Amino acid sequence: MMTTPSPIRMDHHRRPSLLVLGVMLALMGASLPAEAQPNLRSTFPGRRVGGATRGECSARLIAHLVPGNSVFAPGSSRVLGIVEGPSSTPRPIQISFRPEGTAAGTTSQTISLPAAGAGIVLFNQPGGPLPMRWESSYQCDSAAPASDDPLAFVSAGSPPALSLLVEDANPDDLKLQQALQTLRKACGGSIATAELASRFALADVIKEDWPAQLPVRCPG
């Protein structure tokens, strides 16, 4: 006589498989947010030193005082810094900030700095959500004379210095925050160029034609 298997016995055989499946799904679900969020410190295509290779204005050095990967957490002090290289015909600087991940045409916050010689400029990060994209470049277009040369555009603009401002600080950020705070105490004065190069790892871009001392400008 054929008997029907007990429902309880069937549940007993299936329970381990269902339990394993449930654990696997839970683990997969828990890992998705971490995988979906990129590591901005390793993937952001920043360049802390801007400029091109041709044209007096375009090739003039402009550098953000940020870590080598061009990602920086300013912290509560919100102090940011830019270095300007030497130039016989200095031009104004335009600085822009906009939330990372937004379209290029999104309205940004801008700061304009007057034309000046070699030196350091310190200012405060504007308010707004982080992460925030920060770009700085000389306004070379106003310097370029009218020309029929189709290659004249190479001296009329240059890639900006590009950095990403984030909220979570790492040890490199904390060290840099302290260096910027110390530098701010020199506002209105100057510091040795060699000291700047050492403190902010810029020895590879500071050349022999730089002055021995750099003024520290703190507008506003």
Protein backbone atom coordinates (compact mmCIF):
# COMPACT_ATOMS: atom_id res chain seq x y z
CA MET A 1 0.00 0.00 0.00
CA MET A 2 1.47 3.35 -1.04
CA THR A 3 1.79 6.01 1.66
CA THR A 4 2.00 9.77 1.25
CA PRO A 5 5.22 11.34 2.57
CA SER A 6 4.74 13.40 5.68
CA PRO A 7 4.63 17.19 5.02
CA ILE A 8 6.76 17.72 8.10
CA ARG A 9 9.44 15.40 6.72
CA MET A 10 9.50 17.32 3.39
CA ASP A 11 9.95 20.67 5.23
CA HIS A 12 12.79 19.12 7.18
CA HIS A 13 14.67 18.23 3.98
CA ARG A 14 14.06 21.60 2.35
CA ARG A 15 14.85 23.80 5.33
CA PRO A 16 18.70 23.74 4.98
CA SER A 17 18.52 24.65 1.29
CA LEU A 18 16.15 27.52 1.93
CA LEU A 19 18.31 28.74 4.79
CA VAL A 20 21.45 28.73 2.65
CA LEU A 21 19.62 30.53 -0.16
CA GLY A 22 18.37 33.16 2.27
CA VAL A 23 21.86 33.80 3.65
CA MET A 24 23.30 34.11 0.13
CA LEU A 25 20.64 36.60 -0.90
CA ALA A 26 21.21 38.62 2.26
CA LEU A 27 24.94 38.77 1.64
CA MET A 28 24.41 39.81 -1.98
CA GLY A 29 22.02 42.53 -0.95
CA ALA A 30 24.40 43.83 1.70
CA SER A 31 27.26 44.09 -0.78
CA LEU A 32 25.42 46.02 -3.47
CA PRO A 33 25.58 49.50 -1.89
CA ALA A 34 29.35 49.22 -1.36
CA GLU A 35 29.88 48.11 -4.96
CA ALA A 36 27.55 50.78 -6.30
CA GLN A 37 29.49 53.61 -4.68
CA PRO A 38 32.85 54.26 -6.37
CA ASN A 39 35.95 54.99 -4.35
CA LEU A 40 36.33 58.65 -5.27
CA ARG A 41 39.85 58.87 -3.90
CA SER A 42 41.11 56.30 -6.39
CA THR A 43 38.86 57.02 -9.39
CA PHE A 44 38.59 60.84 -9.55
CA PRO A 45 40.54 62.10 -12.61
CA GLY A 46 42.04 65.08 -10.84
CA ARG A 47 45.13 67.14 -11.60
CA ARG A 48 46.35 69.45 -8.89
CA VAL A 49 48.65 71.28 -11.34
CA GLY A 50 46.97 72.97 -14.29
CA GLY A 51 48.41 74.47 -17.44
CA ALA A 52 49.45 73.56 -20.94
CA THR A 53 52.81 73.41 -22.69
CA ARG A 54 52.51 76.34 -25.08
CA GLY A 55 51.68 79.99 -24.66
CA GLU A 56 52.92 82.30 -21.92
CA CYS A 57 49.56 82.43 -20.17
CA SER A 58 48.52 78.84 -20.85
CA ALA A 59 51.80 77.35 -19.65
CA ARG A 60 51.96 79.42 -16.46
CA LEU A 61 51.76 77.18 -13.41
CA ILE A 62 48.62 77.12 -11.31
CA ALA A 63 48.42 74.50 -8.57
CA HIS A 64 46.00 73.52 -5.85
CA LEU A 65 47.46 72.89 -2.39
CA VAL A 66 45.95 69.42 -2.10
CA PRO A 67 47.31 65.84 -1.87
CA GLY A 68 48.90 64.23 -4.91
CA ASN A 69 45.67 62.45 -5.95
CA SER A 70 43.91 65.85 -5.99
CA VAL A 71 41.20 64.73 -3.54
CA PHE A 72 41.05 66.73 -0.30
CA ALA A 73 38.87 67.06 2.79
CA PRO A 74 39.21 70.71 3.98
CA GLY A 75 37.62 70.01 7.36
CA SER A 76 35.85 72.56 9.53
CA SER A 77 38.41 75.30 8.75
CA ARG A 78 37.48 75.13 5.03
CA VAL A 79 40.81 76.75 4.06
CA LEU A 80 41.91 76.21 0.45
CA GLY A 81 45.05 77.36 -1.29
CA ILE A 82 46.37 78.05 -4.80
CA VAL A 83 49.92 78.65 -5.98
CA GLU A 84 50.59 80.97 -8.93
CA GLY A 85 53.83 80.71 -10.88
CA PRO A 86 55.92 83.61 -12.20
CA SER A 87 54.67 85.59 -15.21
CA SER A 88 55.65 88.80 -16.99
CA THR A 89 51.99 89.37 -17.96
CA PRO A 90 49.83 87.97 -15.14
CA ARG A 91 46.16 87.33 -15.79
CA PRO A 92 43.10 87.00 -13.52
CA ILE A 93 42.11 83.61 -12.13
CA GLN A 94 38.64 82.11 -12.26
CA ILE A 95 37.73 79.48 -9.67
CA SER A 96 34.54 77.42 -9.87
CA PHE A 97 32.85 74.95 -7.54
CA ARG A 98 29.96 72.62 -8.29
CA PRO A 99 28.62 69.40 -6.76
CA GLU A 100 30.33 66.31 -8.17
CA GLY A 101 28.16 64.16 -10.42
CA THR A 102 26.09 67.03 -11.81
CA ALA A 103 25.98 68.05 -15.47
CA ALA A 104 28.74 70.31 -16.74
CA GLY A 105 26.26 73.10 -17.44
CA THR A 106 24.95 73.14 -13.87
CA THR A 107 25.16 76.54 -12.18
CA SER A 108 28.38 76.76 -10.21
CA GLN A 109 29.75 79.05 -7.55
CA THR A 110 32.61 81.18 -8.85
CA ILE A 111 35.39 83.26 -7.36
CA SER A 112 37.48 85.69 -9.39
CA LEU A 113 40.98 86.66 -8.33
CA PRO A 114 42.78 89.69 -9.78
CA ALA A 115 45.92 89.34 -11.86
CA ALA A 116 49.02 89.00 -9.70
CA GLY A 117 52.58 87.74 -9.82
CA ALA A 118 53.98 84.57 -8.31
CA GLY A 119 52.53 83.82 -4.90
CA ILE A 120 50.06 81.91 -2.76
CA VAL A 121 46.35 82.68 -2.44
CA LEU A 122 44.30 81.39 0.49
CA PHE A 123 40.50 81.52 0.64
CA ASN A 124 37.59 79.63 2.16
CA GLN A 125 35.66 76.82 0.53
CA PRO A 126 32.14 78.05 -0.31
CA GLY A 127 29.16 76.39 1.27
CA GLY A 128 27.46 73.52 -0.51
CA PRO A 129 27.11 69.75 -0.53
CA LEU A 130 30.18 67.52 -0.73
CA PRO A 131 31.71 65.99 -2.74
CA MET A 132 32.38 69.18 -4.68
CA ARG A 133 34.43 69.68 -7.86
CA TRP A 134 36.94 72.55 -7.74
CA GLU A 135 38.53 74.01 -10.87
CA SER A 136 40.98 76.92 -11.21
CA SER A 137 42.45 78.48 -14.35
CA TYR A 138 43.83 81.72 -15.72
CA GLN A 139 41.56 83.80 -17.93
CA CYS A 140 43.87 83.51 -20.90
CA ASP A 141 41.21 84.26 -23.51
CA SER A 142 41.26 87.92 -22.50
CA ALA A 143 45.02 87.94 -23.05
CA ALA A 144 45.02 86.45 -26.52
CA PRO A 145 45.19 89.06 -29.33
CA ALA A 146 43.08 88.62 -32.43
CA SER A 147 44.84 86.35 -34.90
CA ASP A 148 44.21 84.68 -38.24
CA ASP A 149 46.43 81.77 -37.19
CA PRO A 150 44.20 78.64 -36.89
CA LEU A 151 46.56 77.32 -34.20
CA ALA A 152 46.32 80.44 -32.05
CA PHE A 153 43.83 78.72 -29.76
CA VAL A 154 46.63 76.71 -28.12
CA SER A 155 47.78 79.80 -26.23
CA ALA A 156 44.28 81.04 -25.39
CA GLY A 157 43.37 78.42 -22.80
CA SER A 158 44.71 75.52 -20.79
CA PRO A 159 43.48 72.60 -18.71
CA PRO A 160 42.47 73.88 -15.27
CA ALA A 161 43.80 72.58 -12.00
CA LEU A 162 41.09 70.12 -10.96
CA SER A 163 40.39 68.74 -7.48
CA LEU A 164 37.60 67.04 -5.58
CA LEU A 165 36.59 68.24 -2.12
CA VAL A 166 35.21 65.51 0.14
CA GLU A 167 33.93 65.25 3.70
CA ASP A 168 35.77 62.28 5.20
CA ALA A 169 39.38 63.15 6.05
CA ASN A 170 42.30 60.74 6.01
CA PRO A 171 45.74 61.28 7.65
CA ASP A 172 47.10 63.09 4.56
CA ASP A 173 44.17 65.52 4.67
CA LEU A 174 44.67 66.23 8.37
CA LYS A 175 48.36 66.97 7.80
CA LEU A 176 47.51 69.30 4.93
CA GLN A 177 44.79 71.06 6.92
CA GLN A 178 47.37 71.86 9.58
CA ALA A 179 49.86 73.10 6.97
CA LEU A 180 47.23 75.43 5.48
CA GLN A 181 46.33 76.75 8.93
CA THR A 182 50.00 77.51 9.57
CA LEU A 183 50.27 79.17 6.17
CA ARG A 184 47.27 81.36 6.93
CA LYS A 185 49.20 82.92 9.82
CA ALA A 186 51.51 84.39 7.16
CA CYS A 187 48.70 86.30 5.40
CA GLY A 188 50.02 89.65 4.25
CA GLY A 189 53.59 88.42 4.58
CA SER A 190 55.61 85.82 2.72
CA ILE A 191 57.23 82.41 3.08
CA ALA A 192 60.33 80.87 1.55
CA THR A 193 59.67 79.19 -1.78
CA ALA A 194 61.78 76.22 -0.67
CA GLU A 195 59.57 75.80 2.39
CA LEU A 196 56.44 75.78 0.24
CA ALA A 197 57.96 73.22 -2.11
CA SER A 198 58.87 70.93 0.79
CA ARG A 199 55.68 71.29 2.80
CA PHE A 200 53.33 70.71 -0.14
CA ALA A 201 55.48 68.35 -2.28
CA LEU A 202 55.83 70.82 -5.18
CA ALA A 203 59.59 70.62 -5.71
CA ASP A 204 59.09 68.96 -9.10
CA VAL A 205 57.20 71.95 -10.55
CA ILE A 206 59.01 74.89 -8.93
CA LYS A 207 61.79 76.05 -11.25
CA GLU A 208 64.92 78.18 -10.88
CA ASP A 209 63.17 81.31 -12.16
CA TRP A 210 60.89 81.46 -9.10
CA PRO A 211 61.57 84.18 -6.50
CA ALA A 212 63.14 83.07 -3.21
CA GLN A 213 60.12 84.34 -1.25
CA LEU A 214 56.43 84.07 -2.13
CA PRO A 215 53.79 86.50 -0.86
CA VAL A 216 50.79 84.98 0.91
CA ARG A 217 47.62 86.70 -0.26
CA CYS A 218 44.34 86.24 1.61
CA PRO A 219 41.60 88.21 -0.18
CA GLY A 220 38.44 88.96 1.70
